[in-house]
Every structure is written in structure tokens, then in C-alpha cells.
């Protein structure tokens, strides 16, 4: 009497296994170095959209605050396919494709809203989709996280105020260092984790970083003067592994792409509102926000552009990308 039942149970197990294989579930791990900011708001919107539309076929796991490792490790993870997406500043992709360096050049974007118009332009989208292709990666979303700022002990209101100041650059690449030299500053590179104590003991006079960094890490306790760097923004890209994307099949791949784009509304809404909240936090803690005059802003951009020109001349592809971004920016400029 036991043998027939055993056969039924075995057949049922095979059927369940076959059904499970037919309903294969994919996991999409998304990493970010930040928390409670516009990047993680976008991630939450993407998770909701993808899981809902895929009917559970894609499970989205969110890992903010470097939970999957520091930025270089997560970038490598995406290139290898062990992580499906990561969202650091574009400078961290330069080792995979120098084209990402184009976003470190000031003077392209006028505001977050203007920048998103440029980056979501169909021709620019198509161009950006090729960034990193030779390394098997693709940016599904590229956005302005917020303005780049200069924190300094001595207030910087004009180009002349840069002269002689030891300023930490956001990276060590020529395109990041040479403009500071042109402005008369003494640039140096150091990890973000070392910047706060260096400012405290005045080993450096100032540091460049994204606006959100200064408020989040309470830099107002060591310096009060924060200057908006003209037409300079921190650009972040959500990059995925191309092979993983294709493994989803055309229908699920389309869902991932579409939901990543739909969630872009977060950048021009919640993201802009968060910049206002950040400004209030800075000022409520005694911090000062400085904007250069139109005349000094032009001087700043003229000097920076002059410093960048010879670098671009030796990098034809980056120069083409830069010129395409400039032309598109002009189209959307009011």
C-alpha cells in the first residue's frame, strides 16, 4: 500500500520542481554608498515598480550605506556580475571607461532640473548607454545628486580667494586637479574619511565635495563657509551588468529599464526639495552659504575651461562627449 503513495509523492515533487524552474526568480541587488538621500529614494521607487510589474519574478534587494562593500568593491562586483547595480559618483567608473570623466568638467549644467533635461534627452541617453560597454557594464540611470561645494576656513567669494589655499580635490585625475592649479590653489588628494580631521587641525584649508556630504557629516562644526562652485555638480550613475540584464529575457529586461526611467522623477522633485532641507540644516547650525557674483562665476568657468582644454585635446572620445553635452545643454537652457 505504501509504494503507490510513494510514487504519487515522487511525481508531485517532480511537478513542483518543474513548476519552480518555470517560474524562475531573479535577484537584483542594488548597492549605494549613501543612505537617506535621493539615491536611496530612487532605489525604493525602483524596487516597488520592478517587483510589482514583474509579478515577483524579479526580487529587488536594496543595500545602502556600503553594506555590500566599499565603492571600488561594488563597482568590481557589477563588472563581474556578482552585484546587479551600484550607484556611486561617476568618477569611480573612470578606471573602467575614461568617458565617465566628462562629468567632472564644470560649466555643463545650470541646475538639477536643467541637468536632468540634458541627461534624459534621447540622443544623450543613447550616447551614455555606450559608456562602459567594453567592460560589460551599462548606466541605466545618470543623474545630478547635487551641487559641488567648497568648504573653507577662509570664505571664498572670488577667483582670487583660491590663491595659495591647500584644497582637497574630489579625485587625483588631471581633470580634477589641473583646474585648481589654474585657479592658484594647491590641490591634493585624500580619502573622504581623512578630510574632516584634516580640516579640524587645519592641515588643509578647504575641500571640495557634494553639498549633502557637508551637512550629513556635520562639517559646520569645523568650518562655516560653504561656496557653491559655479555650474559644478556631483553626477551619479546607476550601472548594471549587461550580461545579467540580457539573462532576464526581453520582457523582464524592458521592465527593469522602464522602471529605472520612471523613477527618475525623484531627482527633480524629492531631490530638489532635499537640497532645500540641506541648506536650512547648514544655516541653522551657523553655516554660511556663498554664491559667487555673475562676474566671478564667469571668471571661474573661463579659468577652469582653459585648464581642461589641453586634457580634452588628448582624449578625442571624451572631447566628443563633452561637446555633445554642451550642445544639448544649450538646447534646454532658458
Protein backbone atom coordinates (compact mmCIF):
# COMPACT_ATOMS: atom_id res chain seq x y z
CA UNK A 1 0.00 0.00 0.00
CA UNK A 2 2.92 2.34 0.59
CA UNK A 3 4.50 2.03 -2.86
CA UNK A 4 1.69 3.70 -4.90
CA UNK A 5 1.59 6.62 -2.49
CA UNK A 6 5.36 6.94 -2.70
CA UNK A 7 5.04 7.12 -6.48
CA UNK A 8 2.41 9.83 -6.22
CA UNK A 9 4.54 11.85 -3.79
CA UNK A 10 7.60 11.48 -6.02
CA UNK A 11 5.65 12.58 -9.08
CA UNK A 12 4.28 15.53 -7.12
CA UNK A 13 7.79 16.56 -6.09
CA UNK A 14 8.95 16.44 -9.72
CA UNK A 15 5.95 18.53 -10.77
CA UNK A 16 6.67 21.14 -8.10
CA UNK A 17 10.32 21.30 -9.10
CA UNK A 18 9.37 21.75 -12.73
CA UNK A 19 6.91 24.46 -11.79
CA UNK A 20 9.58 26.22 -9.74
CA UNK A 21 12.01 26.13 -12.63
CA UNK A 22 9.38 27.59 -14.95
CA UNK A 23 8.77 30.43 -12.54
CA UNK A 24 12.44 31.32 -12.17
CA UNK A 25 13.06 34.24 -9.84
CA UNK A 26 15.89 36.70 -10.48
CA UNK A 27 17.54 38.71 -7.74
CA UNK A 28 18.58 42.32 -8.38
CA UNK A 29 20.93 43.60 -5.70
CA UNK A 30 21.31 47.38 -5.76
CA UNK A 31 24.15 48.96 -3.77
CA UNK A 32 24.67 52.60 -2.82
CA UNK A 33 27.38 54.25 -0.70
CA UNK A 34 24.83 56.65 0.82
CA UNK A 35 21.67 56.43 2.94
CA UNK A 36 18.56 58.56 3.39
CA UNK A 37 19.25 60.60 0.28
CA UNK A 38 18.00 60.98 -3.29
CA UNK A 39 19.86 57.83 -4.40
CA UNK A 40 18.10 55.64 -1.87
CA UNK A 41 14.73 57.29 -2.61
CA UNK A 42 15.23 56.34 -6.25
CA UNK A 43 16.19 52.79 -5.24
CA UNK A 44 13.00 52.41 -3.21
CA UNK A 45 10.87 53.60 -6.13
CA UNK A 46 12.64 51.18 -8.49
CA UNK A 47 12.14 48.23 -6.12
CA UNK A 48 8.42 48.92 -5.85
CA UNK A 49 7.96 49.29 -9.60
CA UNK A 50 10.02 46.28 -10.70
CA UNK A 51 8.63 43.84 -8.14
CA UNK A 52 5.06 44.89 -8.88
CA UNK A 53 5.31 44.73 -12.66
CA UNK A 54 7.37 41.54 -12.77
CA UNK A 55 4.83 39.69 -10.65
CA UNK A 56 7.54 38.54 -8.27
CA UNK A 57 9.85 37.22 -10.98
CA UNK A 58 12.45 39.81 -10.01
CA UNK A 59 13.25 40.29 -6.34
CA UNK A 60 14.99 43.62 -5.68
CA UNK A 61 17.27 43.84 -2.65
CA UNK A 62 18.50 47.25 -1.51
CA UNK A 63 21.87 47.74 0.19
CA UNK A 64 22.50 51.39 1.11
CA UNK A 65 25.44 52.70 3.16
CA UNK A 66 28.07 50.40 1.59
CA UNK A 67 26.51 47.24 3.01
CA UNK A 68 27.95 45.21 0.12
CA UNK A 69 31.40 46.74 0.48
CA UNK A 70 33.23 49.95 -0.29
CA UNK A 71 32.69 51.63 -3.66
CA UNK A 72 35.64 50.05 -5.57
CA UNK A 73 34.46 46.59 -4.49
CA UNK A 74 30.86 47.18 -5.60
CA UNK A 75 31.97 48.60 -8.96
CA UNK A 76 34.10 45.50 -9.47
CA UNK A 77 31.14 43.38 -8.36
CA UNK A 78 28.94 44.84 -11.08
CA UNK A 79 31.64 44.32 -13.71
CA UNK A 80 31.94 40.67 -12.59
CA UNK A 81 28.17 40.19 -12.32
CA UNK A 82 28.02 39.37 -8.60
CA UNK A 83 26.16 42.64 -7.92
CA UNK A 84 23.49 43.77 -10.35
CA UNK A 85 23.68 47.55 -9.84
CA UNK A 86 25.62 50.16 -7.88
CA UNK A 87 25.22 53.95 -7.60
CA UNK A 88 28.45 55.81 -6.79
CA UNK A 89 29.71 59.08 -8.24
CA UNK A 90 30.75 58.63 -11.87
CA UNK A 91 34.41 59.24 -11.04
CA UNK A 92 34.60 55.72 -9.64
CA UNK A 93 33.93 54.28 -13.12
CA UNK A 94 36.80 56.09 -14.83
CA UNK A 95 39.07 53.06 -14.34
CA UNK A 96 36.64 51.02 -16.44
CA UNK A 97 35.95 53.70 -19.04
CA UNK A 98 37.59 57.17 -19.17
CA UNK A 99 34.45 58.56 -20.81
CA UNK A 100 32.82 58.86 -17.38
CA UNK A 101 35.35 61.60 -16.62
CA UNK A 102 33.40 64.08 -18.77
CA UNK A 103 31.01 64.80 -15.88
CA UNK A 104 33.81 66.23 -13.75
CA UNK A 105 34.05 69.25 -16.08
CA UNK A 106 32.16 72.31 -14.77
CA UNK A 107 30.00 74.51 -16.97
CA UNK A 108 27.64 71.93 -18.47
CA UNK A 109 24.63 72.11 -16.15
CA UNK A 110 22.84 75.17 -14.74
CA UNK A 111 20.71 73.39 -12.11
CA UNK A 112 19.48 69.95 -11.14
CA UNK A 113 16.35 70.41 -13.25
CA UNK A 114 18.37 71.60 -16.25
CA UNK A 115 20.81 68.74 -15.81
CA UNK A 116 18.05 66.14 -15.80
CA UNK A 117 16.65 67.58 -19.03
CA UNK A 118 20.06 67.14 -20.61
CA UNK A 119 20.72 63.64 -19.25
CA UNK A 120 17.28 62.34 -20.25
CA UNK A 121 17.49 63.76 -23.78
CA UNK A 122 17.07 60.77 -26.18
CA UNK A 123 20.35 61.40 -28.00
CA UNK A 124 22.29 61.82 -24.76
CA UNK A 125 20.68 58.68 -23.32
CA UNK A 126 21.81 56.75 -26.36
CA UNK A 127 25.33 58.13 -26.02
CA UNK A 128 25.54 57.34 -22.30
CA UNK A 129 24.30 53.78 -22.86
CA UNK A 130 27.64 53.05 -24.54
CA UNK A 131 29.71 54.15 -21.55
CA UNK A 132 31.46 51.09 -20.13
CA UNK A 133 30.29 48.77 -22.92
CA UNK A 134 33.76 47.29 -23.45
CA UNK A 135 33.78 46.23 -19.78
CA UNK A 136 30.32 44.70 -19.85
CA UNK A 137 28.53 47.44 -17.91
CA UNK A 138 25.84 49.97 -18.78
CA UNK A 139 24.46 53.01 -16.91
CA UNK A 140 20.68 52.64 -16.68
CA UNK A 141 20.32 55.97 -14.90
CA UNK A 142 22.56 59.04 -14.68
CA UNK A 143 21.60 61.98 -12.50
CA UNK A 144 22.70 65.09 -10.62
CA UNK A 145 22.97 64.30 -6.93
CA UNK A 146 23.50 67.95 -6.02
CA UNK A 147 25.88 70.89 -6.37
CA UNK A 148 29.60 70.61 -5.75
CA UNK A 149 30.70 72.90 -2.93
CA UNK A 150 33.91 74.23 -1.45
CA UNK A 151 34.19 74.22 2.33
CA UNK A 152 36.91 76.58 3.53
CA UNK A 153 38.15 78.29 6.68
CA UNK A 154 38.64 81.47 4.68
CA UNK A 155 35.47 82.48 2.79
CA UNK A 156 35.83 82.08 -0.98
CA UNK A 157 33.80 84.65 -2.90
CA UNK A 158 36.08 85.30 -5.87
CA UNK A 159 38.66 83.56 -8.04
CA UNK A 160 41.45 85.43 -6.25
CA UNK A 161 40.42 83.79 -2.97
CA UNK A 162 41.61 80.39 -4.22
CA UNK A 163 45.22 81.52 -4.46
CA UNK A 164 47.58 79.72 -2.11
CA UNK A 165 44.90 77.63 -0.42
CA UNK A 166 45.54 73.92 0.13
CA UNK A 167 42.36 72.33 -1.19
CA UNK A 168 41.43 68.68 -1.25
CA UNK A 169 40.23 67.73 -4.76
CA UNK A 170 37.45 65.15 -5.26
CA UNK A 171 39.97 62.92 -7.06
CA UNK A 172 43.53 62.75 -8.31
CA UNK A 173 42.87 62.80 -12.06
CA UNK A 174 44.28 65.72 -14.09
CA UNK A 175 40.78 66.84 -15.00
CA UNK A 176 40.10 67.34 -11.27
CA UNK A 177 43.49 68.70 -10.23
CA UNK A 178 44.54 71.00 -13.08
CA UNK A 179 41.58 73.42 -12.74
CA UNK A 180 42.50 74.05 -9.09
CA UNK A 181 46.09 74.72 -10.09
CA UNK A 182 44.86 77.17 -12.73
CA UNK A 183 42.90 78.98 -10.02
CA UNK A 184 46.09 79.34 -7.96
CA UNK A 185 45.19 76.74 -5.34
CA UNK A 186 47.40 73.91 -4.09
CA UNK A 187 45.36 70.76 -4.80
CA UNK A 188 45.87 67.48 -3.04
CA UNK A 189 44.05 64.17 -2.99
CA UNK A 190 42.95 62.29 0.12
CA UNK A 191 40.19 59.80 1.03
CA UNK A 192 36.96 61.36 2.25
CA UNK A 193 37.39 59.70 5.65
CA UNK A 194 40.56 61.72 6.28
CA UNK A 195 39.14 65.10 5.29
CA UNK A 196 37.27 66.01 8.48
CA UNK A 197 40.28 65.65 10.81
CA UNK A 198 42.46 67.43 8.23
CA UNK A 199 40.05 70.36 8.30
CA UNK A 200 39.92 70.27 12.10
CA UNK A 201 43.70 70.55 12.54
CA UNK A 202 43.98 72.91 9.53
CA UNK A 203 46.27 70.57 7.63
CA UNK A 204 44.20 71.69 4.64
CA UNK A 205 42.43 75.00 4.03
CA UNK A 206 39.42 73.62 2.21
CA UNK A 207 37.81 70.68 0.48
CA UNK A 208 35.53 70.08 -2.48
CA UNK A 209 32.61 67.66 -2.14
CA UNK A 210 28.90 67.31 -2.78
CA UNK A 211 26.59 69.51 -0.70
CA UNK A 212 24.95 66.58 1.09
CA UNK A 213 28.30 65.35 2.43
CA UNK A 214 28.98 68.52 4.41
CA UNK A 215 25.64 68.58 6.20
CA UNK A 216 25.47 64.83 6.80
CA UNK A 217 28.91 64.71 8.45
CA UNK A 218 28.37 67.97 10.36
CA UNK A 219 31.26 69.85 8.82
CA UNK A 220 29.67 73.02 10.19
CA UNK A 221 31.41 72.14 13.47
CA UNK A 222 34.85 72.78 11.90
CA UNK A 223 34.22 75.47 9.25
CA UNK A 224 31.32 77.73 8.38
CA UNK A 225 31.97 78.96 4.83
CA UNK A 226 30.49 76.87 2.05
CA UNK A 227 30.77 78.17 -1.52
CA UNK A 228 28.74 76.96 -4.48
CA UNK A 229 31.20 76.11 -7.26
CA UNK A 230 29.72 77.61 -10.46
CA UNK A 231 27.94 75.12 -12.73
CA UNK A 232 29.52 72.19 -10.88
CA UNK A 233 27.52 69.13 -9.86
CA UNK A 234 28.13 65.68 -8.45
CA UNK A 235 26.88 63.21 -11.06
CA UNK A 236 25.91 59.68 -10.03
CA UNK A 237 25.29 56.73 -12.35
CA UNK A 238 23.37 53.55 -11.61
CA UNK A 239 25.36 50.98 -13.57
CA UNK A 240 24.33 47.40 -14.24
CA UNK A 241 25.93 44.27 -15.67
CA UNK A 242 24.96 43.83 -19.34
CA UNK A 243 25.01 40.01 -19.26
CA UNK A 244 22.72 39.90 -16.23
CA UNK A 245 20.32 42.30 -17.92
CA UNK A 246 20.15 40.10 -21.03
CA UNK A 247 19.69 36.97 -18.91
CA UNK A 248 16.31 38.31 -17.80
CA UNK A 249 14.83 37.89 -21.24
CA UNK A 250 13.31 40.72 -23.32
CA UNK A 251 10.14 41.22 -21.27
CA UNK A 252 11.77 41.46 -17.85
CA UNK A 253 14.68 43.50 -19.24
CA UNK A 254 12.15 46.00 -20.59
CA UNK A 255 10.50 46.23 -17.16
CA UNK A 256 13.84 46.96 -15.45
CA UNK A 257 14.75 49.66 -17.98
CA UNK A 258 11.32 51.29 -17.88
CA UNK A 259 11.05 51.34 -14.09
CA UNK A 260 14.54 52.80 -13.74
CA UNK A 261 13.45 55.63 -16.03
CA UNK A 262 10.06 56.15 -14.37
CA UNK A 263 11.77 56.61 -11.00
CA UNK A 264 13.87 59.48 -12.40
CA UNK A 265 11.08 61.86 -11.34
CA UNK A 266 12.56 61.54 -7.83
CA UNK A 267 15.62 63.57 -8.85
CA UNK A 268 13.74 66.70 -9.87
CA UNK A 269 11.18 66.51 -7.06
CA UNK A 270 12.32 64.89 -3.82
CA UNK A 271 15.96 65.56 -4.70
CA UNK A 272 15.46 69.30 -5.19
CA UNK A 273 13.39 69.54 -2.01
CA UNK A 274 16.15 67.71 -0.13
CA UNK A 275 18.71 70.28 -1.27
CA UNK A 276 16.50 72.97 0.32
CA UNK A 277 16.37 70.94 3.53
CA UNK A 278 20.15 70.54 3.46
CA UNK A 279 20.65 74.30 3.03
CA UNK A 280 18.40 75.00 6.01
CA UNK A 281 20.28 72.48 8.14
CA UNK A 282 23.59 74.12 7.26
CA UNK A 283 22.37 77.62 8.06
CA UNK A 284 20.58 76.59 11.25
CA UNK A 285 23.93 75.33 12.53
CA UNK A 286 25.68 78.63 11.89
CA UNK A 287 26.95 77.80 8.42
CA UNK A 288 27.21 80.36 5.64
CA UNK A 289 26.27 79.67 2.01
CA UNK A 290 28.16 81.74 -0.57
CA UNK A 291 27.36 82.22 -4.25
CA UNK A 292 29.91 83.93 -6.47
CA UNK A 293 28.78 87.01 -8.38
CA UNK A 294 27.98 86.57 -12.10
CA UNK A 295 31.29 88.23 -12.97
CA UNK A 296 33.33 85.95 -10.70
CA UNK A 297 31.38 82.88 -11.81
CA UNK A 298 32.31 83.63 -15.41
CA UNK A 299 35.95 84.13 -14.43
CA UNK A 300 35.91 80.82 -12.60
CA UNK A 301 34.45 78.93 -15.58
CA UNK A 302 36.83 80.65 -18.01
CA UNK A 303 39.84 79.57 -15.94
CA UNK A 304 38.59 76.02 -15.49
CA UNK A 305 37.74 75.63 -19.18
CA UNK A 306 41.21 76.83 -20.13
CA UNK A 307 42.77 74.24 -17.80
CA UNK A 308 40.63 71.41 -19.17
CA UNK A 309 41.12 72.19 -22.88
CA UNK A 310 44.59 70.58 -23.28
CA UNK A 311 43.43 67.50 -21.38
CA UNK A 312 40.46 67.06 -23.71
CA UNK A 313 42.61 67.55 -26.80
CA UNK A 314 44.46 64.36 -25.89
CA UNK A 315 41.22 62.41 -25.36
CA UNK A 316 39.14 62.64 -28.56
CA UNK A 317 36.23 60.48 -27.36
CA UNK A 318 35.83 62.38 -24.07
CA UNK A 319 36.02 65.62 -26.03
CA UNK A 320 33.21 64.44 -28.34
CA UNK A 321 31.07 63.51 -25.31
CA UNK A 322 31.77 66.90 -23.73
CA UNK A 323 30.79 68.79 -26.86
CA UNK A 324 27.60 66.74 -27.21
CA UNK A 325 26.64 67.52 -23.62
CA UNK A 326 27.37 71.23 -24.13
CA UNK A 327 25.24 71.37 -27.28
CA UNK A 328 22.33 69.61 -25.58
CA UNK A 329 22.66 71.84 -22.52
CA UNK A 330 22.37 74.88 -24.76
CA UNK A 331 19.19 73.45 -26.30
CA UNK A 332 17.48 73.24 -22.90
CA UNK A 333 18.89 76.46 -21.50
CA UNK A 334 16.27 79.19 -20.95
